[in-house]
N, C-alpha and C. Protein backbone atom coordinates (compact mmCIF):
# COMPACT_ATOMS: atom_id res chain seq x y z
N MET A 1 -29.47 -20.39 22.94
CA MET A 1 -28.43 -21.31 21.88
C MET A 1 -27.94 -21.95 22.51
N ARG A 2 -27.60 -22.87 21.86
CA ARG A 2 -26.22 -24.00 21.44
C ARG A 2 -24.88 -23.55 21.95
N ALA A 3 -24.04 -24.44 22.68
CA ALA A 3 -22.56 -23.63 23.20
C ALA A 3 -21.91 -24.61 21.10
N PRO A 4 -20.61 -23.48 21.13
CA PRO A 4 -20.57 -23.56 19.74
C PRO A 4 -19.90 -24.57 19.92
N VAL A 5 -19.48 -25.10 18.71
CA VAL A 5 -18.22 -26.82 18.38
C VAL A 5 -17.22 -25.78 18.05
N PHE A 6 -15.35 -26.61 17.97
CA PHE A 6 -15.16 -26.10 17.58
C PHE A 6 -14.77 -26.73 17.12
N ALA A 7 -13.76 -26.59 15.74
CA ALA A 7 -12.61 -27.09 15.34
C ALA A 7 -11.24 -26.11 15.01
N GLN A 8 -10.35 -27.04 14.28
CA GLN A 8 -9.08 -26.42 13.69
C GLN A 8 -8.84 -26.39 12.52
N ILE A 9 -8.26 -25.61 12.27
CA ILE A 9 -8.23 -25.36 10.29
C ILE A 9 -6.26 -25.09 10.66
N VAL A 10 -5.63 -26.53 10.92
CA VAL A 10 -4.00 -26.38 10.85
C VAL A 10 -2.87 -25.96 9.86
N ARG A 11 -3.31 -27.16 8.28
CA ARG A 11 -2.73 -26.78 6.84
C ARG A 11 -3.46 -25.63 6.04
N ALA A 12 -3.07 -25.30 5.32
CA ALA A 12 -3.77 -24.44 3.90
C ALA A 12 -4.72 -25.46 3.24
N GLN A 13 -4.26 -26.67 3.45
CA GLN A 13 -5.49 -27.72 2.47
C GLN A 13 -6.40 -27.55 3.15
N ASP A 14 -6.51 -27.55 4.18
CA ASP A 14 -7.52 -27.58 4.71
C ASP A 14 -8.55 -26.50 5.34
N ALA A 15 -8.86 -25.28 4.24
CA ALA A 15 -9.26 -23.85 4.31
C ALA A 15 -10.05 -24.17 2.64
N THR A 16 -11.43 -25.03 3.26
CA THR A 16 -12.03 -25.35 1.78
C THR A 16 -12.10 -24.35 0.91
N PRO A 17 -12.72 -23.63 -0.30
CA PRO A 17 -13.31 -23.23 -1.17
C PRO A 17 -14.15 -22.42 -0.40
N ALA A 18 -16.02 -23.46 0.40
CA ALA A 18 -16.49 -23.00 1.41
C ALA A 18 -16.55 -21.84 3.05
N LEU A 19 -15.03 -23.06 3.03
CA LEU A 19 -14.45 -22.24 4.45
C LEU A 19 -14.23 -20.62 4.61
N ARG A 20 -13.73 -20.18 3.67
CA ARG A 20 -12.97 -19.15 3.16
C ARG A 20 -13.39 -18.58 2.82
N ARG A 21 -14.87 -18.63 1.90
CA ARG A 21 -16.23 -17.80 1.47
C ARG A 21 -16.02 -17.27 3.38
N ASP A 22 -16.95 -18.42 3.66
CA ASP A 22 -17.53 -18.25 5.65
C ASP A 22 -16.22 -17.23 6.35
N LEU A 23 -15.08 -17.32 6.24
CA LEU A 23 -14.22 -16.23 7.00
C LEU A 23 -14.13 -14.69 6.75
N ARG A 24 -13.99 -15.37 4.76
CA ARG A 24 -14.50 -13.70 4.50
C ARG A 24 -15.61 -12.75 5.10
N ASP A 25 -16.77 -13.72 4.70
CA ASP A 25 -17.66 -12.67 5.42
C ASP A 25 -18.17 -12.85 5.95
N CYS A 26 -18.44 -13.49 7.77
CA CYS A 26 -17.44 -13.02 8.70
C CYS A 26 -16.74 -11.45 8.81
N TRP A 27 -15.49 -11.82 8.11
CA TRP A 27 -14.56 -11.00 8.40
C TRP A 27 -14.56 -9.69 8.47
N THR A 28 -15.46 -9.46 6.34
CA THR A 28 -16.58 -8.79 6.13
C THR A 28 -17.41 -7.52 7.59
N ALA A 29 -18.51 -8.85 8.25
CA ALA A 29 -19.10 -8.31 8.51
C ALA A 29 -18.88 -7.75 9.74
N VAL A 30 -17.69 -8.16 10.40
CA VAL A 30 -16.94 -7.40 11.26
C VAL A 30 -16.91 -6.16 11.38
N ILE A 31 -16.15 -6.50 10.27
CA ILE A 31 -15.35 -4.94 9.46
C ILE A 31 -15.96 -3.66 9.76
N ASN A 32 -17.26 -4.46 9.08
CA ASN A 32 -18.51 -3.13 8.44
C ASN A 32 -19.64 -2.87 10.20
N ALA A 33 -19.23 -3.07 11.20
CA ALA A 33 -19.72 -3.60 11.93
C ALA A 33 -19.22 -2.66 13.01
N GLY A 34 -18.13 -1.99 13.07
CA GLY A 34 -17.04 -1.02 13.88
C GLY A 34 -16.26 -2.44 14.44
N GLY A 35 -15.81 -3.59 14.01
CA GLY A 35 -14.86 -4.32 14.99
C GLY A 35 -13.65 -3.95 15.18
N ALA A 36 -12.67 -3.58 15.71
CA ALA A 36 -11.59 -4.17 15.40
C ALA A 36 -10.07 -5.00 14.91
N VAL A 37 -10.52 -5.63 13.72
CA VAL A 37 -10.32 -6.32 13.00
C VAL A 37 -9.47 -6.18 11.32
N ILE A 38 -9.58 -4.46 10.99
CA ILE A 38 -9.18 -4.09 10.02
C ILE A 38 -7.84 -4.59 9.23
N PRO A 39 -8.06 -6.13 8.48
CA PRO A 39 -6.47 -6.36 7.78
C PRO A 39 -5.53 -5.41 7.60
N MET A 40 -3.72 -5.04 7.88
CA MET A 40 -3.17 -4.46 6.52
C MET A 40 -3.20 -4.44 5.49
N GLY A 41 -3.52 -3.24 5.05
CA GLY A 41 -3.47 -2.96 3.57
C GLY A 41 -5.47 -2.31 3.21
N CYS A 42 -6.36 -3.18 4.11
CA CYS A 42 -6.91 -3.43 3.46
C CYS A 42 -7.70 -1.58 4.29
N PRO A 43 -8.50 -0.72 2.86
CA PRO A 43 -9.63 0.46 3.30
C PRO A 43 -10.28 1.07 5.25
N LEU A 44 -10.19 1.52 5.38
CA LEU A 44 -11.33 2.02 6.47
C LEU A 44 -12.62 1.44 6.08
N PRO A 45 -14.03 1.42 7.01
CA PRO A 45 -14.96 0.73 6.58
C PRO A 45 -15.38 1.70 6.11
N PRO A 46 -17.27 1.34 5.05
CA PRO A 46 -16.95 0.37 4.90
C PRO A 46 -16.10 -0.25 4.06
N VAL A 47 -16.41 -2.04 4.21
CA VAL A 47 -15.51 -2.25 3.30
C VAL A 47 -15.69 -4.19 2.39
N PRO A 48 -15.94 -3.50 1.13
CA PRO A 48 -15.75 -4.89 0.31
C PRO A 48 -15.37 -6.57 0.07
N SER A 49 -16.12 -7.39 0.01
CA SER A 49 -15.78 -8.71 0.57
C SER A 49 -14.35 -9.23 -0.09
N PRO A 50 -14.40 -8.74 -1.68
CA PRO A 50 -12.79 -8.39 -1.13
C PRO A 50 -11.11 -8.17 -0.98
N GLU A 51 -11.99 -7.49 0.26
CA GLU A 51 -10.52 -6.40 0.29
C GLU A 51 -10.26 -6.91 1.55
N VAL A 52 -10.64 -8.00 1.74
CA VAL A 52 -10.18 -9.04 3.22
C VAL A 52 -8.99 -10.35 2.53
N GLU A 53 -9.86 -10.00 1.30
CA GLU A 53 -8.99 -12.13 0.39
C GLU A 53 -7.56 -11.99 0.59
N PRO A 54 -6.79 -10.57 0.73
CA PRO A 54 -5.96 -11.47 0.15
C PRO A 54 -4.64 -10.94 2.05
N ALA A 55 -5.08 -10.98 2.86
CA ALA A 55 -5.09 -11.14 3.69
C ALA A 55 -6.55 -12.49 4.72
N LEU A 56 -6.62 -12.29 3.88
CA LEU A 56 -7.29 -13.92 4.30
C LEU A 56 -6.41 -15.14 4.05
N ASP A 57 -6.05 -14.51 3.20
CA ASP A 57 -5.02 -15.43 1.80
C ASP A 57 -3.72 -15.67 2.43
N GLU A 58 -2.73 -15.17 3.18
CA GLU A 58 -1.99 -14.57 4.04
C GLU A 58 -1.86 -15.57 4.92
N ILE A 59 -3.05 -15.92 5.80
CA ILE A 59 -3.52 -16.90 7.31
C ILE A 59 -2.96 -17.93 6.60
N VAL A 60 -4.19 -18.77 6.15
CA VAL A 60 -3.86 -19.74 4.91
C VAL A 60 -2.00 -20.70 4.83
N ARG A 61 -1.87 -19.82 4.11
CA ARG A 61 -0.81 -20.11 3.65
C ARG A 61 0.29 -20.28 4.62
N GLY A 62 0.13 -19.21 5.54
CA GLY A 62 1.04 -19.17 7.16
C GLY A 62 0.39 -20.62 8.08
N LEU A 63 -0.68 -21.72 8.12
CA LEU A 63 -0.99 -22.46 8.70
C LEU A 63 -0.54 -23.83 8.28
N ALA A 64 -0.08 -23.91 10.03
CA ALA A 64 1.37 -25.52 9.90
C ALA A 64 0.70 -25.91 11.30
N PRO A 65 0.64 -27.27 11.51
CA PRO A 65 0.65 -27.83 13.37
C PRO A 65 0.66 -26.51 13.38
N GLN A 66 2.28 -26.56 14.44
CA GLN A 66 3.22 -26.20 15.26
C GLN A 66 3.61 -24.71 14.96
N ARG A 67 2.87 -24.12 14.14
CA ARG A 67 3.04 -22.80 13.39
C ARG A 67 2.62 -21.34 13.96
N GLY A 68 1.47 -21.61 12.76
CA GLY A 68 -0.33 -21.87 13.29
C GLY A 68 -2.29 -21.75 12.56
N ARG A 69 -3.23 -22.34 13.31
CA ARG A 69 -4.04 -22.33 13.43
C ARG A 69 -5.01 -21.53 13.61
N ILE A 70 -5.85 -21.59 13.12
CA ILE A 70 -7.68 -21.21 13.05
C ILE A 70 -7.50 -21.86 13.47
N LEU A 71 -8.77 -21.33 14.88
CA LEU A 71 -9.62 -21.37 15.99
C LEU A 71 -10.29 -21.34 15.33
N LEU A 72 -11.68 -21.91 14.94
CA LEU A 72 -13.14 -22.09 14.37
C LEU A 72 -14.42 -22.59 15.37
N ALA A 73 -15.41 -21.51 15.44
CA ALA A 73 -16.99 -21.89 16.15
C ALA A 73 -17.97 -22.27 15.62
N THR A 74 -18.65 -22.96 15.31
CA THR A 74 -19.97 -23.05 14.95
C THR A 74 -21.04 -23.27 16.19
N VAL A 75 -22.16 -22.46 15.21
CA VAL A 75 -23.30 -23.36 16.01
C VAL A 75 -24.61 -23.37 14.68
N ASP A 76 -24.88 -24.79 15.34
CA ASP A 76 -25.78 -25.12 14.47
C ASP A 76 -24.85 -24.76 12.90
N GLY A 77 -24.39 -25.86 12.36
CA GLY A 77 -22.93 -26.27 12.06
C GLY A 77 -22.98 -24.29 10.79
N ALA A 78 -23.08 -22.93 11.37
CA ALA A 78 -23.30 -21.52 11.16
C ALA A 78 -21.27 -21.39 11.62
N LEU A 79 -20.62 -20.82 11.13
CA LEU A 79 -19.70 -19.75 11.32
C LEU A 79 -20.11 -18.93 12.19
N ALA A 80 -19.99 -18.82 13.48
CA ALA A 80 -19.33 -18.01 14.66
C ALA A 80 -19.02 -17.10 14.91
N GLY A 81 -17.97 -17.81 14.64
CA GLY A 81 -16.75 -16.55 15.14
C GLY A 81 -15.31 -17.84 14.76
N TRP A 82 -14.21 -17.04 14.55
CA TRP A 82 -12.66 -17.78 14.36
C TRP A 82 -11.55 -16.72 15.31
N VAL A 83 -10.47 -16.81 15.93
CA VAL A 83 -9.40 -16.25 16.08
C VAL A 83 -8.36 -16.58 15.18
N LEU A 84 -7.24 -15.96 15.34
CA LEU A 84 -6.49 -17.13 15.15
C LEU A 84 -5.35 -16.85 15.59
N LEU A 85 -4.11 -17.98 16.00
CA LEU A 85 -3.05 -18.59 16.46
C LEU A 85 -1.62 -18.35 15.83
N ARG A 86 -0.56 -18.26 16.51
CA ARG A 86 0.62 -18.44 15.91
C ARG A 86 1.78 -18.07 16.30
N ARG A 87 2.61 -19.40 16.21
CA ARG A 87 3.85 -19.21 17.05
C ARG A 87 4.97 -18.26 16.15
N GLU A 88 5.94 -17.67 17.23
CA GLU A 88 6.28 -17.43 16.99
C GLU A 88 7.72 -17.32 16.82
N PRO A 89 8.68 -17.39 15.13
CA PRO A 89 9.77 -18.08 14.38
C PRO A 89 11.03 -18.34 15.23
N HIS A 90 10.97 -16.64 15.82
CA HIS A 90 12.27 -16.59 16.05
C HIS A 90 12.55 -17.74 17.18
N PRO A 91 13.61 -17.84 17.44
CA PRO A 91 13.76 -19.36 18.03
C PRO A 91 13.52 -18.48 20.04
N LEU A 92 14.21 -17.10 19.81
CA LEU A 92 14.21 -16.26 21.49
C LEU A 92 13.42 -16.12 22.13
N VAL A 93 11.57 -16.27 20.87
CA VAL A 93 10.50 -16.34 21.88
C VAL A 93 9.57 -17.77 20.77
N ALA A 94 9.87 -18.26 20.58
CA ALA A 94 9.70 -19.70 20.22
C ALA A 94 8.03 -19.88 21.35
N HIS A 95 8.60 -20.05 22.01
CA HIS A 95 7.35 -19.99 23.56
C HIS A 95 5.96 -19.82 23.82
N CYS A 96 6.22 -18.52 23.16
CA CYS A 96 5.45 -17.85 22.61
C CYS A 96 4.39 -17.54 21.58
N GLY A 97 3.55 -17.46 21.50
CA GLY A 97 2.99 -17.12 20.52
C GLY A 97 1.29 -16.18 20.43
N THR A 98 0.90 -15.42 19.74
CA THR A 98 0.20 -14.11 18.87
C THR A 98 -0.71 -14.67 18.93
N VAL A 99 -2.15 -13.82 19.66
CA VAL A 99 -2.96 -14.59 19.14
C VAL A 99 -3.25 -12.65 18.22
N ASN A 100 -4.31 -13.56 16.76
CA ASN A 100 -4.55 -12.58 15.86
C ASN A 100 -6.42 -12.55 15.70
N HIS A 101 -7.11 -11.30 14.99
CA HIS A 101 -8.17 -11.55 14.57
C HIS A 101 -9.00 -11.95 15.13
N LEU A 102 -9.62 -12.21 16.75
CA LEU A 102 -10.52 -12.78 17.25
C LEU A 102 -12.15 -11.78 17.40
N GLN A 103 -12.64 -13.04 16.24
CA GLN A 103 -14.26 -12.24 15.30
C GLN A 103 -15.02 -13.08 16.05
N THR A 104 -15.97 -12.23 16.63
CA THR A 104 -18.22 -13.16 16.32
C THR A 104 -18.52 -12.47 15.58
N HIS A 105 -19.06 -13.72 14.35
CA HIS A 105 -20.13 -13.42 13.83
C HIS A 105 -21.15 -12.29 13.81
N VAL A 106 -22.02 -10.84 13.12
CA VAL A 106 -22.47 -10.35 13.79
C VAL A 106 -24.20 -11.24 13.89
N ARG A 107 -23.64 -12.00 13.24
CA ARG A 107 -25.33 -12.56 14.04
C ARG A 107 -24.87 -13.43 15.41
N PHE A 108 -23.73 -13.32 15.57
CA PHE A 108 -23.73 -14.75 17.24
C PHE A 108 -22.85 -12.98 18.19
N ARG A 109 -23.80 -11.94 18.24
CA ARG A 109 -22.84 -11.97 19.20
C ARG A 109 -23.56 -11.37 20.31
N GLY A 110 -23.03 -10.33 21.22
CA GLY A 110 -23.77 -10.81 22.05
C GLY A 110 -24.45 -12.63 22.99
N MET A 111 -23.31 -13.46 22.62
CA MET A 111 -23.62 -15.17 22.65
C MET A 111 -22.40 -16.33 23.63
N ALA A 112 -21.11 -14.92 23.24
CA ALA A 112 -20.76 -15.59 24.34
C ALA A 112 -19.59 -16.31 23.28
N VAL A 113 -19.64 -15.84 22.45
CA VAL A 113 -19.41 -16.54 20.99
C VAL A 113 -17.47 -16.82 21.87
N GLY A 114 -17.54 -15.18 21.33
CA GLY A 114 -15.52 -14.79 21.73
C GLY A 114 -14.80 -14.69 22.96
N ALA A 115 -16.53 -15.41 24.02
CA ALA A 115 -15.21 -15.86 24.95
C ALA A 115 -14.64 -17.20 25.10
N ALA A 116 -15.61 -17.80 24.52
CA ALA A 116 -15.73 -19.27 24.13
C ALA A 116 -14.89 -19.14 23.52
N LEU A 117 -14.11 -18.63 22.62
CA LEU A 117 -12.80 -18.92 22.30
C LEU A 117 -11.32 -18.92 22.18
N MET A 118 -11.77 -17.41 23.01
CA MET A 118 -10.39 -17.23 24.62
C MET A 118 -10.44 -18.60 24.84
N ARG A 119 -11.61 -19.35 25.96
CA ARG A 119 -11.26 -20.03 27.30
C ARG A 119 -10.49 -21.40 26.51
N ARG A 120 -10.89 -21.27 25.47
CA ARG A 120 -10.21 -22.60 24.36
C ARG A 120 -9.17 -22.43 24.30
N LEU A 121 -9.46 -21.55 23.20
CA LEU A 121 -7.44 -21.36 22.71
C LEU A 121 -6.38 -21.63 24.16
N PRO A 122 -5.70 -20.66 25.10
CA PRO A 122 -4.84 -21.68 25.80
C PRO A 122 -4.78 -22.97 25.77
N GLU A 123 -5.76 -23.48 25.92
CA GLU A 123 -5.46 -25.09 25.76
C GLU A 123 -5.13 -25.73 24.79
N ILE A 124 -5.61 -25.33 23.55
CA ILE A 124 -4.78 -25.49 21.93
C ILE A 124 -3.05 -25.24 22.10
N ALA A 125 -2.60 -23.83 22.32
CA ALA A 125 -1.17 -23.35 22.42
C ALA A 125 -1.39 -24.53 24.15
N ARG A 126 -1.14 -24.87 25.13
CA ARG A 126 -0.47 -25.12 25.42
C ARG A 126 -0.02 -26.85 25.75
N ASP A 127 -1.15 -27.58 25.48
CA ASP A 127 -0.61 -29.24 25.42
C ASP A 127 -0.67 -29.18 23.72
N GLU A 128 -1.52 -28.02 22.73
CA GLU A 128 -1.56 -29.48 21.06
C GLU A 128 0.26 -28.97 21.11
N MET A 129 0.93 -27.08 21.19
CA MET A 129 1.77 -26.67 20.38
C MET A 129 2.78 -26.73 21.60
N GLY A 130 2.38 -26.45 22.84
CA GLY A 130 3.69 -26.45 23.95
C GLY A 130 4.31 -25.62 23.30
N MET A 131 3.29 -24.06 23.43
CA MET A 131 3.33 -22.82 23.91
C MET A 131 3.48 -22.76 25.59
N GLU A 132 3.89 -21.48 26.66
CA GLU A 132 4.00 -21.78 27.38
C GLU A 132 3.13 -20.07 27.78
N ARG A 133 3.24 -19.10 26.20
CA ARG A 133 2.74 -17.28 26.89
C ARG A 133 2.21 -17.26 25.51
N LEU A 134 1.27 -15.80 25.79
CA LEU A 134 -0.01 -15.89 24.08
C LEU A 134 0.71 -13.84 24.75
N ARG A 135 0.25 -13.26 23.30
CA ARG A 135 0.46 -12.14 23.95
C ARG A 135 -0.27 -11.40 22.42
N LEU A 136 -1.09 -10.30 23.08
CA LEU A 136 -2.64 -10.16 21.49
C LEU A 136 -2.05 -8.72 22.09
N THR A 137 -2.41 -7.83 20.60
CA THR A 137 -2.50 -6.10 20.69
C THR A 137 -4.50 -5.97 20.12
N ALA A 138 -5.02 -5.15 21.45
CA ALA A 138 -5.97 -4.85 21.24
C ALA A 138 -6.32 -2.87 21.28
N ARG A 139 -7.50 -2.36 20.48
CA ARG A 139 -7.24 -1.40 20.63
C ARG A 139 -8.32 -0.76 21.67
N ALA A 140 -7.13 0.34 22.08
CA ALA A 140 -9.24 1.82 22.84
C ALA A 140 -9.23 1.76 22.78
N GLY A 141 -10.57 2.18 23.73
CA GLY A 141 -11.56 3.28 22.77
C GLY A 141 -13.25 1.84 22.92
N LEU A 142 -12.84 0.24 23.25
CA LEU A 142 -14.11 -0.08 22.50
C LEU A 142 -14.67 -1.38 23.34
N GLY A 143 -13.39 -1.09 24.52
CA GLY A 143 -14.01 -2.15 26.21
C GLY A 143 -12.78 -3.62 26.10
N LEU A 144 -12.36 -3.49 24.55
CA LEU A 144 -11.94 -4.64 24.62
C LEU A 144 -10.45 -5.47 25.46
N GLU A 145 -9.96 -4.14 26.49
CA GLU A 145 -9.50 -4.60 27.81
C GLU A 145 -9.91 -5.09 28.86
N ASP A 146 -11.36 -4.74 28.91
CA ASP A 146 -11.89 -5.16 30.32
C ASP A 146 -12.20 -6.54 29.59
N PHE A 147 -12.71 -6.84 28.35
CA PHE A 147 -13.10 -8.38 27.33
C PHE A 147 -12.22 -9.57 28.14
N TYR A 148 -10.52 -8.87 27.36
CA TYR A 148 -9.38 -9.62 27.24
C TYR A 148 -9.49 -10.05 29.01
N ARG A 149 -9.09 -9.03 29.63
CA ARG A 149 -9.05 -9.01 31.63
C ARG A 149 -9.52 -9.91 32.09
N ARG A 150 -11.10 -10.62 31.85
CA ARG A 150 -12.00 -11.70 32.51
C ARG A 150 -11.85 -13.06 32.15
N ALA A 151 -10.57 -12.97 30.29
CA ALA A 151 -10.69 -14.59 30.09
C ALA A 151 -9.04 -14.45 31.15
N GLY A 152 -8.41 -13.17 31.83
CA GLY A 152 -7.69 -13.47 31.93
C GLY A 152 -5.85 -13.52 32.19
N TRP A 153 -6.40 -12.40 30.63
CA TRP A 153 -5.05 -11.41 30.12
C TRP A 153 -4.57 -10.70 30.61
N THR A 154 -3.54 -10.21 30.90
CA THR A 154 -3.48 -8.57 32.07
C THR A 154 -2.25 -8.01 30.69
N GLU A 155 -2.90 -6.66 31.58
CA GLU A 155 -1.97 -5.29 30.79
C GLU A 155 -0.48 -5.16 30.78
N VAL A 156 0.07 -5.56 29.37
CA VAL A 156 1.28 -5.57 30.19
C VAL A 156 2.34 -3.81 29.39
N GLY A 157 1.57 -3.30 29.07
CA GLY A 157 1.90 -1.28 27.99
C GLY A 157 1.06 -1.01 26.71
N ARG A 158 0.86 -0.01 26.58
CA ARG A 158 0.05 0.43 26.21
C ARG A 158 1.36 1.84 24.71
N TRP A 159 0.80 1.50 23.76
CA TRP A 159 1.40 2.39 22.55
C TRP A 159 0.71 3.63 22.75
N PRO A 160 0.93 4.72 22.93
CA PRO A 160 -0.43 5.85 22.89
C PRO A 160 -0.47 6.45 21.64
N GLY A 161 -1.43 6.58 21.12
CA GLY A 161 -2.15 7.18 20.44
C GLY A 161 -1.35 6.14 18.93
N ALA A 162 -1.21 4.63 19.37
CA ALA A 162 -0.45 3.78 17.82
C ALA A 162 -1.97 3.69 16.57
N LEU A 163 -2.49 3.44 17.04
CA LEU A 163 -3.77 3.87 15.73
C LEU A 163 -4.57 4.59 15.21
N ARG A 164 -4.12 5.30 14.19
CA ARG A 164 -5.40 6.12 13.14
C ARG A 164 -6.30 5.48 13.11
N VAL A 165 -7.67 5.52 13.05
CA VAL A 165 -9.67 5.01 13.19
C VAL A 165 -10.07 6.26 11.99
N ALA A 166 -9.57 7.60 12.48
CA ALA A 166 -9.90 8.45 11.12
C ALA A 166 -9.81 10.15 11.78
N PRO A 167 -9.55 10.57 11.44
CA PRO A 167 -8.38 11.82 11.50
C PRO A 167 -8.95 12.30 12.68
N GLY A 168 -8.13 12.76 13.25
CA GLY A 168 -8.80 12.91 15.40
C GLY A 168 -9.24 12.33 15.77
N ASP A 169 -8.70 11.22 15.83
CA ASP A 169 -9.82 10.08 16.62
C ASP A 169 -8.30 8.87 16.63
N ASP A 170 -7.25 9.32 16.39
CA ASP A 170 -5.96 7.72 17.43
C ASP A 170 -6.12 7.61 18.92
N ARG A 171 -6.25 6.57 18.65
CA ARG A 171 -5.97 5.27 20.41
C ARG A 171 -5.33 4.58 20.71
N ASP A 172 -5.17 4.13 21.44
CA ASP A 172 -3.32 3.56 21.95
C ASP A 172 -3.63 1.68 21.42
N GLU A 173 -2.91 1.69 21.00
CA GLU A 173 -2.72 0.05 21.07
C GLU A 173 -2.37 -0.60 22.53
N ILE A 174 -3.31 -1.15 23.00
CA ILE A 174 -2.83 -2.42 24.05
C ILE A 174 -2.60 -3.35 24.49
N LEU A 175 -1.41 -3.56 25.07
CA LEU A 175 -0.44 -4.89 24.93
C LEU A 175 -0.58 -6.30 26.08
N MET A 176 -1.39 -7.86 25.54
CA MET A 176 -1.55 -7.95 26.89
C MET A 176 -1.27 -9.49 26.44
N SER A 177 -1.00 -10.48 27.57
CA SER A 177 -0.42 -11.79 27.47
C SER A 177 -1.16 -11.99 28.48
N LEU A 178 -0.90 -13.06 28.78
CA LEU A 178 -1.18 -14.56 29.39
C LEU A 178 -0.85 -15.24 29.63
N ALA A 179 -0.38 -15.75 30.46
CA ALA A 179 0.65 -16.41 31.26
C ALA A 179 0.25 -17.94 31.73
N LEU A 180 1.07 -19.44 30.62
CA LEU A 180 0.06 -20.24 30.36
C LEU A 180 0.68 -21.85 31.50
């Protein structure tokens, strides 16, 4: 596999209809493959593509160079993965960013696309947005905490049983941090 090529979407008008369709289709495929990126208001899998559109529209509306960006990874012109980086708006935490929705399209799983996105993201947060720290949450039970630890993140806490994946299947929400 060729190394991913990175691009950023920093304004709503840069999210073309074709890109929105690619993001939606990636998100739907990831959810339906068991990924931990189910948006608020979206049913549990299986999920039809239109169900993620309201959440995607909200993300796109929040894009602005210093407030929120989508980092894309493409391979041979195809969307291989993406992640959202947002600056916290409150002045007490404006030096921090939040990472959401890290996704690798199922066609590109096992090819280190997610790891490549997570290596590139801190550079953007620090060098282009002036952030000093990043945070994210992950769902326990999928090995995600190990993935993020390998990328340099530190677990700083857990919210026990905060995520109900299915009746009788409650998972911890893992809180993670990365100093830039």
